């Protein structure tokens, strides 16, 4: 079996994506749809490129290429952020660790 190691990148506003850098994922700062699209097109040697949900409309433009695979990540306060991160943690840890409340409980 041949093992191919693909790199992972996240594209969007740097201040919202810095957590991914801690995880060893390359981050690329892009603040407009045009910047995101240009950056995604430059990342041909990546296997997976995740983009800020604010720019998810570019997925329809870039679906023709096999690599990189494109995905959307919710931004802090985004519509799907809570469920995304909750599901992510469940898959990573194997159990639910967050409460259902608003985070203000003691």
PDB file of N, CA and C in Angstrom:
ATOM      1  N   UNK A   1       0.852  -1.172   0.000  1.00  0.00           N
ATOM      2  CA  UNK A   1       0.000   0.000   0.000  1.00  0.00           C
ATOM      3  C   UNK A   1       0.897   1.234   0.000  1.00  0.00           C
ATOM      4  N   UNK A   2       0.599   2.165  -0.860  1.00  0.00           N
ATOM      5  CA  UNK A   2       1.357   3.410  -0.941  1.00  0.00           C
ATOM      6  C   UNK A   2       0.687   4.445  -0.059  1.00  0.00           C
ATOM      7  N   UNK A   3       1.470   5.067   0.774  1.00  0.00           N
ATOM      8  CA  UNK A   3       0.932   6.105   1.656  1.00  0.00           C
ATOM      9  C   UNK A   3       1.270   7.472   1.085  1.00  0.00           C
ATOM     10  N   UNK A   4       0.253   8.275   0.860  1.00  0.00           N
ATOM     11  CA  UNK A   4       0.453   9.624   0.342  1.00  0.00           C
ATOM     12  C   UNK A   4       0.035  10.598   1.422  1.00  0.00           C
ATOM     13  N   UNK A   5       0.956  11.442   1.833  1.00  0.00           N
ATOM     14  CA  UNK A   5       0.638  12.414   2.872  1.00  0.00           C
ATOM     15  C   UNK A   5       0.237  13.735   2.254  1.00  0.00           C
ATOM     16  N   UNK A   6      -0.995  14.106   2.433  1.00  0.00           N
ATOM     17  CA  UNK A   6      -1.469  15.379   1.926  1.00  0.00           C
ATOM     18  C   UNK A   6      -1.467  16.408   3.037  1.00  0.00           C
ATOM     19  N   UNK A   7      -1.191  17.622   2.655  1.00  0.00           N
ATOM     20  CA  UNK A   7      -1.218  18.715   3.624  1.00  0.00           C
ATOM     21  C   UNK A   7      -2.639  19.258   3.743  1.00  0.00           C
ATOM     22  N   UNK A   8      -2.903  19.892   4.889  1.00  0.00           N
ATOM     23  CA  UNK A   8      -4.205  20.499   5.161  1.00  0.00           C
ATOM     24  C   UNK A   8      -3.991  21.988   5.385  1.00  0.00           C
ATOM     25  N   UNK A   9      -4.881  22.794   4.811  1.00  0.00           N
ATOM     26  CA  UNK A   9      -4.813  24.244   4.985  1.00  0.00           C
ATOM     27  C   UNK A   9      -6.194  24.783   5.312  1.00  0.00           C
ATOM     28  N   UNK A  10      -6.208  25.925   5.992  1.00  0.00           N
ATOM     29  CA  UNK A  10      -7.445  26.644   6.275  1.00  0.00           C
ATOM     30  C   UNK A  10      -7.261  28.057   5.738  1.00  0.00           C
ATOM     31  N   UNK A  11      -8.280  28.549   5.028  1.00  0.00           N
ATOM     32  CA  UNK A  11      -8.219  29.873   4.409  1.00  0.00           C
ATOM     33  C   UNK A  11      -9.351  30.729   4.951  1.00  0.00           C
ATOM     34  N   UNK A  12      -9.020  31.930   5.383  1.00  0.00           N
ATOM     35  CA  UNK A  12     -10.017  32.873   5.897  1.00  0.00           C
ATOM     36  C   UNK A  12      -9.338  33.957   6.707  1.00  0.00           C
ATOM     37  N   UNK A  13     -10.096  34.584   7.562  1.00  0.00           N
ATOM     38  CA  UNK A  13      -9.549  35.664   8.386  1.00  0.00           C
ATOM     39  C   UNK A  13      -8.642  35.080   9.468  1.00  0.00           C
ATOM     40  N   UNK A  14      -7.382  35.499   9.457  1.00  0.00           N
ATOM     41  CA  UNK A  14      -6.364  34.941  10.352  1.00  0.00           C
ATOM     42  C   UNK A  14      -6.800  34.950  11.810  1.00  0.00           C
ATOM     43  N   UNK A  15      -7.422  36.026  12.264  1.00  0.00           N
ATOM     44  CA  UNK A  15      -7.785  36.113  13.684  1.00  0.00           C
ATOM     45  C   UNK A  15      -8.825  35.073  14.085  1.00  0.00           C
ATOM     46  N   UNK A  16      -9.566  34.563  13.128  1.00  0.00           N
ATOM     47  CA  UNK A  16     -10.569  33.538  13.423  1.00  0.00           C
ATOM     48  C   UNK A  16     -10.018  32.122  13.258  1.00  0.00           C
ATOM     49  N   UNK A  17      -8.862  32.004  12.638  1.00  0.00           N
ATOM     50  CA  UNK A  17      -8.347  30.687  12.291  1.00  0.00           C
ATOM     51  C   UNK A  17      -7.091  30.281  13.044  1.00  0.00           C
ATOM     52  N   UNK A  18      -6.610  31.127  13.927  1.00  0.00           N
ATOM     53  CA  UNK A  18      -5.325  30.858  14.576  1.00  0.00           C
ATOM     54  C   UNK A  18      -5.318  29.554  15.376  1.00  0.00           C
ATOM     55  N   UNK A  19      -6.458  29.102  15.846  1.00  0.00           N
ATOM     56  CA  UNK A  19      -6.519  27.840  16.583  1.00  0.00           C
ATOM     57  C   UNK A  19      -6.043  26.676  15.716  1.00  0.00           C
ATOM     58  N   UNK A  20      -6.292  26.745  14.430  1.00  0.00           N
ATOM     59  CA  UNK A  20      -5.884  25.669  13.528  1.00  0.00           C
ATOM     60  C   UNK A  20      -4.369  25.602  13.387  1.00  0.00           C
ATOM     61  N   UNK A  21      -3.713  26.744  13.506  1.00  0.00           N
ATOM     62  CA  UNK A  21      -2.256  26.790  13.441  1.00  0.00           C
ATOM     63  C   UNK A  21      -1.645  25.994  14.597  1.00  0.00           C
ATOM     64  N   UNK A  22      -2.273  26.078  15.761  1.00  0.00           N
ATOM     65  CA  UNK A  22      -1.817  25.322  16.932  1.00  0.00           C
ATOM     66  C   UNK A  22      -1.893  23.820  16.655  1.00  0.00           C
ATOM     67  N   UNK A  23      -2.839  23.419  15.839  1.00  0.00           N
ATOM     68  CA  UNK A  23      -3.019  22.007  15.502  1.00  0.00           C
ATOM     69  C   UNK A  23      -2.088  21.548  14.384  1.00  0.00           C
ATOM     70  N   UNK A  24      -1.234  22.445  13.905  1.00  0.00           N
ATOM     71  CA  UNK A  24      -0.303  22.090  12.846  1.00  0.00           C
ATOM     72  C   UNK A  24      -0.860  22.240  11.449  1.00  0.00           C
ATOM     73  N   UNK A  25      -1.996  22.893  11.328  1.00  0.00           N
ATOM     74  CA  UNK A  25      -2.617  23.120  10.031  1.00  0.00           C
ATOM     75  C   UNK A  25      -2.141  24.469   9.515  1.00  0.00           C
ATOM     76  N   UNK A  26      -1.779  24.514   8.231  1.00  0.00           N
ATOM     77  CA  UNK A  26      -1.341  25.770   7.627  1.00  0.00           C
ATOM     78  C   UNK A  26      -2.539  26.691   7.452  1.00  0.00           C
ATOM     79  N   UNK A  27      -2.388  27.947   7.841  1.00  0.00           N
ATOM     80  CA  UNK A  27      -3.483  28.899   7.663  1.00  0.00           C
ATOM     81  C   UNK A  27      -3.043  29.996   6.706  1.00  0.00           C
ATOM     82  N   UNK A  28      -3.999  30.466   5.923  1.00  0.00           N
ATOM     83  CA  UNK A  28      -3.759  31.515   4.943  1.00  0.00           C
ATOM     84  C   UNK A  28      -4.789  32.612   5.153  1.00  0.00           C
ATOM     85  N   UNK A  29      -4.289  33.809   5.379  1.00  0.00           N
ATOM     86  CA  UNK A  29      -5.158  34.956   5.619  1.00  0.00           C
ATOM     87  C   UNK A  29      -5.769  35.429   4.307  1.00  0.00           C
ATOM     88  N   UNK A  30      -7.079  35.534   4.264  1.00  0.00           N
ATOM     89  CA  UNK A  30      -7.801  36.044   3.106  1.00  0.00           C
ATOM     90  C   UNK A  30      -9.050  36.733   3.631  1.00  0.00           C
ATOM     91  N   UNK A  31      -9.282  37.952   3.174  1.00  0.00           N
ATOM     92  CA  UNK A  31     -10.368  38.750   3.736  1.00  0.00           C
ATOM     93  C   UNK A  31     -11.514  39.032   2.773  1.00  0.00           C
ATOM     94  N   UNK A  32     -11.339  38.680   1.520  1.00  0.00           N
ATOM     95  CA  UNK A  32     -12.407  38.866   0.536  1.00  0.00           C
ATOM     96  C   UNK A  32     -12.596  37.560  -0.232  1.00  0.00           C
ATOM     97  N   UNK A  33     -13.726  37.445  -0.902  1.00  0.00           N
ATOM     98  CA  UNK A  33     -13.987  36.249  -1.695  1.00  0.00           C
ATOM     99  C   UNK A  33     -12.922  36.071  -2.772  1.00  0.00           C
ATOM    100  N   UNK A  34     -12.487  37.177  -3.373  1.00  0.00           N
ATOM    101  CA  UNK A  34     -11.462  37.110  -4.410  1.00  0.00           C
ATOM    102  C   UNK A  34     -10.138  36.585  -3.845  1.00  0.00           C
ATOM    103  N   UNK A  35      -9.758  37.054  -2.651  1.00  0.00           N
ATOM    104  CA  UNK A  35      -8.522  36.579  -2.016  1.00  0.00           C
ATOM    105  C   UNK A  35      -8.614  35.095  -1.676  1.00  0.00           C
ATOM    106  N   UNK A  36      -9.765  34.664  -1.182  1.00  0.00           N
ATOM    107  CA  UNK A  36      -9.954  33.250  -0.851  1.00  0.00           C
ATOM    108  C   UNK A  36      -9.833  32.408  -2.118  1.00  0.00           C
ATOM    109  N   UNK A  37     -10.503  32.809  -3.172  1.00  0.00           N
ATOM    110  CA  UNK A  37     -10.475  32.065  -4.427  1.00  0.00           C
ATOM    111  C   UNK A  37      -9.054  31.988  -4.980  1.00  0.00           C
ATOM    112  N   UNK A  38      -8.341  33.096  -4.979  1.00  0.00           N
ATOM    113  CA  UNK A  38      -6.962  33.120  -5.473  1.00  0.00           C
ATOM    114  C   UNK A  38      -6.075  32.189  -4.629  1.00  0.00           C
ATOM    115  N   UNK A  39      -6.240  32.255  -3.315  1.00  0.00           N
ATOM    116  CA  UNK A  39      -5.434  31.414  -2.425  1.00  0.00           C
ATOM    117  C   UNK A  39      -5.731  29.938  -2.642  1.00  0.00           C
ATOM    118  N   UNK A  40      -7.008  29.577  -2.727  1.00  0.00           N
ATOM    119  CA  UNK A  40      -7.389  28.179  -2.948  1.00  0.00           C
ATOM    120  C   UNK A  40      -6.766  27.666  -4.245  1.00  0.00           C
ATOM    121  N   UNK A  41      -6.775  28.472  -5.278  1.00  0.00           N
ATOM    122  CA  UNK A  41      -6.208  28.049  -6.568  1.00  0.00           C
ATOM    123  C   UNK A  41      -4.693  27.878  -6.502  1.00  0.00           C
ATOM    124  N   UNK A  42      -4.041  28.533  -5.555  1.00  0.00           N
ATOM    125  CA  UNK A  42      -2.588  28.407  -5.395  1.00  0.00           C
ATOM    126  C   UNK A  42      -2.200  27.181  -4.559  1.00  0.00           C
ATOM    127  N   UNK A  43      -3.140  26.572  -3.883  1.00  0.00           N
ATOM    128  CA  UNK A  43      -2.846  25.474  -2.955  1.00  0.00           C
ATOM    129  C   UNK A  43      -3.026  24.104  -3.608  1.00  0.00           C
ATOM    130  N   UNK A  44      -2.489  23.919  -4.786  1.00  0.00           N
ATOM    131  CA  UNK A  44      -2.662  22.678  -5.547  1.00  0.00           C
ATOM    132  C   UNK A  44      -1.963  21.479  -4.919  1.00  0.00           C
ATOM    133  N   UNK A  45      -0.965  21.721  -4.061  1.00  0.00           N
ATOM    134  CA  UNK A  45      -0.255  20.598  -3.446  1.00  0.00           C
ATOM    135  C   UNK A  45      -0.871  20.181  -2.112  1.00  0.00           C
ATOM    136  N   UNK A  46      -2.030  20.713  -1.796  1.00  0.00           N
ATOM    137  CA  UNK A  46      -2.744  20.361  -0.566  1.00  0.00           C
ATOM    138  C   UNK A  46      -3.821  19.333  -0.883  1.00  0.00           C
ATOM    139  N   UNK A  47      -4.069  18.447   0.060  1.00  0.00           N
ATOM    140  CA  UNK A  47      -5.125  17.453  -0.106  1.00  0.00           C
ATOM    141  C   UNK A  47      -6.476  17.944   0.366  1.00  0.00           C
ATOM    142  N   UNK A  48      -6.467  18.808   1.394  1.00  0.00           N
ATOM    143  CA  UNK A  48      -7.706  19.326   1.968  1.00  0.00           C
ATOM    144  C   UNK A  48      -7.525  20.800   2.279  1.00  0.00           C
ATOM    145  N   UNK A  49      -8.430  21.609   1.769  1.00  0.00           N
ATOM    146  CA  UNK A  49      -8.440  23.038   2.067  1.00  0.00           C
ATOM    147  C   UNK A  49      -9.805  23.379   2.640  1.00  0.00           C
ATOM    148  N   UNK A  50      -9.805  23.862   3.869  1.00  0.00           N
ATOM    149  CA  UNK A  50     -11.037  24.281   4.537  1.00  0.00           C
ATOM    150  C   UNK A  50     -11.125  25.793   4.448  1.00  0.00           C
ATOM    151  N   UNK A  51     -12.318  26.297   4.182  1.00  0.00           N
ATOM    152  CA  UNK A  51     -12.495  27.740   4.077  1.00  0.00           C
ATOM    153  C   UNK A  51     -13.529  28.218   5.080  1.00  0.00           C
ATOM    154  N   UNK A  52     -13.365  29.442   5.492  1.00  0.00           N
ATOM    155  CA  UNK A  52     -14.273  30.132   6.398  1.00  0.00           C
ATOM    156  C   UNK A  52     -15.677  30.105   5.785  1.00  0.00           C
ATOM    157  N   UNK A  53     -16.686  29.780   6.588  1.00  0.00           N
ATOM    158  CA  UNK A  53     -18.045  29.652   6.048  1.00  0.00           C
ATOM    159  C   UNK A  53     -18.549  30.929   5.392  1.00  0.00           C
ATOM    160  N   UNK A  54     -17.982  32.055   5.750  1.00  0.00           N
ATOM    161  CA  UNK A  54     -18.360  33.326   5.129  1.00  0.00           C
ATOM    162  C   UNK A  54     -18.122  33.299   3.615  1.00  0.00           C
ATOM    163  N   UNK A  55     -17.184  32.481   3.164  1.00  0.00           N
ATOM    164  CA  UNK A  55     -16.818  32.432   1.751  1.00  0.00           C
ATOM    165  C   UNK A  55     -17.249  31.128   1.086  1.00  0.00           C
ATOM    166  N   UNK A  56     -18.235  30.461   1.645  1.00  0.00           N
ATOM    167  CA  UNK A  56     -18.642  29.145   1.147  1.00  0.00           C
ATOM    168  C   UNK A  56     -19.156  29.168  -0.289  1.00  0.00           C
ATOM    169  N   UNK A  57     -19.534  30.323  -0.794  1.00  0.00           N
ATOM    170  CA  UNK A  57     -20.043  30.394  -2.165  1.00  0.00           C
ATOM    171  C   UNK A  57     -18.985  30.004  -3.195  1.00  0.00           C
ATOM    172  N   UNK A  58     -17.697  30.084  -2.849  1.00  0.00           N
ATOM    173  CA  UNK A  58     -16.678  29.703  -3.830  1.00  0.00           C
ATOM    174  C   UNK A  58     -16.628  28.199  -4.060  1.00  0.00           C
ATOM    175  N   UNK A  59     -17.272  27.424  -3.198  1.00  0.00           N
ATOM    176  CA  UNK A  59     -17.283  25.977  -3.402  1.00  0.00           C
ATOM    177  C   UNK A  59     -17.905  25.619  -4.741  1.00  0.00           C
ATOM    178  N   UNK A  60     -18.908  26.358  -5.141  1.00  0.00           N
ATOM    179  CA  UNK A  60     -19.564  26.088  -6.420  1.00  0.00           C
ATOM    180  C   UNK A  60     -18.639  26.395  -7.592  1.00  0.00           C
ATOM    181  N   UNK A  61     -17.738  27.328  -7.420  1.00  0.00           N
ATOM    182  CA  UNK A  61     -16.807  27.713  -8.479  1.00  0.00           C
ATOM    183  C   UNK A  61     -15.705  26.668  -8.634  1.00  0.00           C
ATOM    184  N   UNK A  62     -15.247  26.119  -7.538  1.00  0.00           N
ATOM    185  CA  UNK A  62     -14.067  25.261  -7.533  1.00  0.00           C
ATOM    186  C   UNK A  62     -14.348  23.765  -7.467  1.00  0.00           C
ATOM    187  N   UNK A  63     -15.547  23.319  -7.695  1.00  0.00           N
ATOM    188  CA  UNK A  63     -15.885  21.896  -7.566  1.00  0.00           C
ATOM    189  C   UNK A  63     -15.246  21.020  -8.658  1.00  0.00           C
ATOM    190  N   UNK A  64     -14.736  21.605  -9.724  1.00  0.00           N
ATOM    191  CA  UNK A  64     -14.257  20.818 -10.854  1.00  0.00           C
ATOM    192  C   UNK A  64     -12.946  20.086 -10.587  1.00  0.00           C
ATOM    193  N   UNK A  65     -12.095  20.598  -9.732  1.00  0.00           N
ATOM    194  CA  UNK A  65     -10.800  19.985  -9.462  1.00  0.00           C
ATOM    195  C   UNK A  65     -10.938  18.839  -8.461  1.00  0.00           C
ATOM    196  N   UNK A  66     -10.140  17.770  -8.645  1.00  0.00           N
ATOM    197  CA  UNK A  66     -10.157  16.646  -7.693  1.00  0.00           C
ATOM    198  C   UNK A  66      -9.451  17.002  -6.406  1.00  0.00           C
ATOM    199  N   UNK A  67      -8.326  17.693  -6.513  1.00  0.00           N
ATOM    200  CA  UNK A  67      -7.570  18.129  -5.342  1.00  0.00           C
ATOM    201  C   UNK A  67      -7.258  19.607  -5.485  1.00  0.00           C
ATOM    202  N   UNK A  68      -7.278  20.322  -4.460  1.00  0.00           N
ATOM    203  CA  UNK A  68      -7.586  19.872  -3.116  1.00  0.00           C
ATOM    204  C   UNK A  68      -9.089  19.684  -2.922  1.00  0.00           C
ATOM    205  N   UNK A  69      -9.427  18.827  -1.977  1.00  0.00           N
ATOM    206  CA  UNK A  69     -10.813  18.692  -1.548  1.00  0.00           C
ATOM    207  C   UNK A  69     -11.133  19.944  -0.743  1.00  0.00           C
ATOM    208  N   UNK A  70     -12.270  20.548  -1.012  1.00  0.00           N
ATOM    209  CA  UNK A  70     -12.660  21.772  -0.310  1.00  0.00           C
ATOM    210  C   UNK A  70     -13.753  21.483   0.699  1.00  0.00           C
ATOM    211  N   UNK A  71     -13.671  22.127   1.843  1.00  0.00           N
ATOM    212  CA  UNK A  71     -14.691  22.014   2.877  1.00  0.00           C
ATOM    213  C   UNK A  71     -14.878  23.353   3.552  1.00  0.00           C
ATOM    214  N   UNK A  72     -15.959  23.490   4.272  1.00  0.00           N
ATOM    215  CA  UNK A  72     -16.279  24.743   4.957  1.00  0.00           C
ATOM    216  C   UNK A  72     -16.199  24.515   6.455  1.00  0.00           C
ATOM    217  N   UNK A  73     -15.604  25.470   7.159  1.00  0.00           N
ATOM    218  CA  UNK A  73     -15.592  25.432   8.618  1.00  0.00           C
ATOM    219  C   UNK A  73     -16.354  26.640   9.129  1.00  0.00           C
ATOM    220  N   UNK A  74     -17.147  26.454  10.149  1.00  0.00           N
ATOM    221  CA  UNK A  74     -17.873  27.595  10.705  1.00  0.00           C
ATOM    222  C   UNK A  74     -16.918  28.517  11.448  1.00  0.00           C
ATOM    223  N   UNK A  75     -17.213  29.795  11.376  1.00  0.00           N
ATOM    224  CA  UNK A  75     -16.418  30.761  12.122  1.00  0.00           C
ATOM    225  C   UNK A  75     -17.054  30.982  13.482  1.00  0.00           C
ATOM    226  N   UNK A  76     -16.291  31.532  14.387  1.00  0.00           N
ATOM    227  CA  UNK A  76     -16.802  31.798  15.731  1.00  0.00           C
ATOM    228  C   UNK A  76     -18.063  32.643  15.626  1.00  0.00           C
ATOM    229  N   UNK A  77     -19.136  32.173  16.218  1.00  0.00           N
ATOM    230  CA  UNK A  77     -20.394  32.895  16.161  1.00  0.00           C
ATOM    231  C   UNK A  77     -21.179  32.639  14.890  1.00  0.00           C
ATOM    232  N   UNK A  78     -20.635  31.813  14.002  1.00  0.00           N
ATOM    233  CA  UNK A  78     -21.326  31.503  12.763  1.00  0.00           C
ATOM    234  C   UNK A  78     -22.554  30.657  13.024  1.00  0.00           C
ATOM    235  N   UNK A  79     -23.368  30.515  12.018  1.00  0.00           N
ATOM    236  CA  UNK A  79     -24.629  29.802  12.148  1.00  0.00           C
ATOM    237  C   UNK A  79     -24.429  28.363  12.611  1.00  0.00           C
ATOM    238  N   UNK A  80     -23.438  27.682  12.067  1.00  0.00           N
ATOM    239  CA  UNK A  80     -23.253  26.265  12.362  1.00  0.00           C
ATOM    240  C   UNK A  80     -22.105  25.984  13.325  1.00  0.00           C
ATOM    241  N   UNK A  81     -21.518  27.000  13.907  1.00  0.00           N
ATOM    242  CA  UNK A  81     -20.308  26.828  14.717  1.00  0.00           C
ATOM    243  C   UNK A  81     -20.507  25.875  15.884  1.00  0.00           C
ATOM    244  N   UNK A  82     -21.569  26.029  16.642  1.00  0.00           N
ATOM    245  CA  UNK A  82     -21.761  25.205  17.839  1.00  0.00           C
ATOM    246  C   UNK A  82     -21.906  23.733  17.480  1.00  0.00           C
ATOM    247  N   UNK A  83     -22.745  23.423  16.518  1.00  0.00           N
ATOM    248  CA  UNK A  83     -22.937  22.018  16.160  1.00  0.00           C
ATOM    249  C   UNK A  83     -21.693  21.437  15.499  1.00  0.00           C
ATOM    250  N   UNK A  84     -20.985  22.239  14.711  1.00  0.00           N
ATOM    251  CA  UNK A  84     -19.754  21.766  14.082  1.00  0.00           C
ATOM    252  C   UNK A  84     -18.734  21.339  15.125  1.00  0.00           C
ATOM    253  N   UNK A  85     -18.467  22.229  16.088  1.00  0.00           N
ATOM    254  CA  UNK A  85     -17.453  21.927  17.082  1.00  0.00           C
ATOM    255  C   UNK A  85     -17.907  20.831  18.043  1.00  0.00           C
ATOM    256  N   UNK A  86     -19.181  20.781  18.346  1.00  0.00           N
ATOM    257  CA  UNK A  86     -19.695  19.712  19.193  1.00  0.00           C
ATOM    258  C   UNK A  86     -19.509  18.360  18.508  1.00  0.00           C
ATOM    259  N   UNK A  87     -19.882  18.271  17.237  1.00  0.00           N
ATOM    260  CA  UNK A  87     -19.713  17.028  16.479  1.00  0.00           C
ATOM    261  C   UNK A  87     -18.238  16.664  16.335  1.00  0.00           C
ATOM    262  N   UNK A  88     -17.399  17.671  16.113  1.00  0.00           N
ATOM    263  CA  UNK A  88     -15.963  17.446  15.976  1.00  0.00           C
ATOM    264  C   UNK A  88     -15.391  16.824  17.246  1.00  0.00           C
ATOM    265  N   UNK A  89     -15.767  17.375  18.387  1.00  0.00           N
ATOM    266  CA  UNK A  89     -15.262  16.867  19.666  1.00  0.00           C
ATOM    267  C   UNK A  89     -15.771  15.450  19.916  1.00  0.00           C
ATOM    268  N   UNK A  90     -17.033  15.191  19.606  1.00  0.00           N
ATOM    269  CA  UNK A  90     -17.580  13.844  19.791  1.00  0.00           C
ATOM    270  C   UNK A  90     -16.796  12.839  18.952  1.00  0.00           C
ATOM    271  N   UNK A  91     -16.498  13.179  17.698  1.00  0.00           N
ATOM    272  CA  UNK A  91     -15.724  12.276  16.845  1.00  0.00           C
ATOM    273  C   UNK A  91     -14.296  12.100  17.365  1.00  0.00           C
ATOM    274  N   UNK A  92     -13.696  13.186  17.847  1.00  0.00           N
ATOM    275  CA  UNK A  92     -12.302  13.128  18.302  1.00  0.00           C
ATOM    276  C   UNK A  92     -12.154  12.418  19.641  1.00  0.00           C
ATOM    277  N   UNK A  93     -13.051  12.708  20.579  1.00  0.00           N
ATOM    278  CA  UNK A  93     -12.927  12.204  21.945  1.00  0.00           C
ATOM    279  C   UNK A  93     -13.767  10.954  22.174  1.00  0.00           C
ATOM    280  N   UNK A  94     -14.837  10.831  21.424  1.00  0.00           N
ATOM    281  CA  UNK A  94     -15.699   9.673  21.573  1.00  0.00           C
ATOM    282  C   UNK A  94     -16.881   9.897  22.487  1.00  0.00           C
ATOM    283  N   UNK A  95     -17.012  11.101  23.008  1.00  0.00           N
ATOM    284  CA  UNK A  95     -18.133  11.408  23.889  1.00  0.00           C
ATOM    285  C   UNK A  95     -18.415  12.903  23.868  1.00  0.00           C
ATOM    286  N   UNK A  96     -19.596  13.243  24.302  1.00  0.00           N
ATOM    287  CA  UNK A  96     -19.992  14.644  24.373  1.00  0.00           C
ATOM    288  C   UNK A  96     -19.427  15.247  25.658  1.00  0.00           C
ATOM    289  N   UNK A  97     -18.706  16.372  25.535  1.00  0.00           N
ATOM    290  CA  UNK A  97     -18.121  16.983  26.731  1.00  0.00           C
ATOM    291  C   UNK A  97     -18.662  18.376  27.015  1.00  0.00           C
ATOM    292  N   UNK A  98     -19.455  18.926  26.098  1.00  0.00           N
ATOM    293  CA  UNK A  98     -20.019  20.256  26.308  1.00  0.00           C
ATOM    294  C   UNK A  98     -21.443  20.150  26.824  1.00  0.00           C
ATOM    295  N   UNK A  99     -21.851  21.104  27.654  1.00  0.00           N
ATOM    296  CA  UNK A  99     -23.227  21.122  28.142  1.00  0.00           C
ATOM    297  C   UNK A  99     -24.125  21.746  27.093  1.00  0.00           C
ATOM    298  N   UNK A 100     -25.413  21.544  27.251  1.00  0.00           N
ATOM    299  CA  UNK A 100     -26.390  22.099  26.324  1.00  0.00           C
ATOM    300  C   UNK A 100     -26.688  23.564  26.590  1.00  0.00           C
ATOM    301  N   UNK A 101     -26.282  24.084  27.734  1.00  0.00           N
ATOM    302  CA  UNK A 101     -26.606  25.459  28.116  1.00  0.00           C
ATOM    303  C   UNK A 101     -25.838  26.488  27.320  1.00  0.00           C
ATOM    304  N   UNK A 102     -25.954  27.732  27.769  1.00  0.00           N
ATOM    305  CA  UNK A 102     -25.322  28.841  27.068  1.00  0.00           C
ATOM    306  C   UNK A 102     -23.905  29.113  27.538  1.00  0.00           C
ATOM    307  N   UNK A 103     -23.371  28.278  28.394  1.00  0.00           N
ATOM    308  CA  UNK A 103     -22.002  28.433  28.854  1.00  0.00           C
ATOM    309  C   UNK A 103     -21.862  29.273  30.105  1.00  0.00           C
ATOM    310  N   UNK A 104     -22.978  29.795  30.637  1.00  0.00           N
ATOM    311  CA  UNK A 104     -22.923  30.641  31.819  1.00  0.00           C
ATOM    312  C   UNK A 104     -23.248  29.893  33.103  1.00  0.00           C
ATOM    313  N   UNK A 105     -23.523  28.582  32.989  1.00  0.00           N
ATOM    314  CA  UNK A 105     -23.865  27.825  34.183  1.00  0.00           C
ATOM    315  C   UNK A 105     -22.633  27.641  35.055  1.00  0.00           C
ATOM    316  N   UNK A 106     -22.860  27.446  36.341  1.00  0.00           N
ATOM    317  CA  UNK A 106     -21.740  27.194  37.263  1.00  0.00           C
ATOM    318  C   UNK A 106     -21.986  25.910  38.000  1.00  0.00           C
TER     319      UNK A 106
END
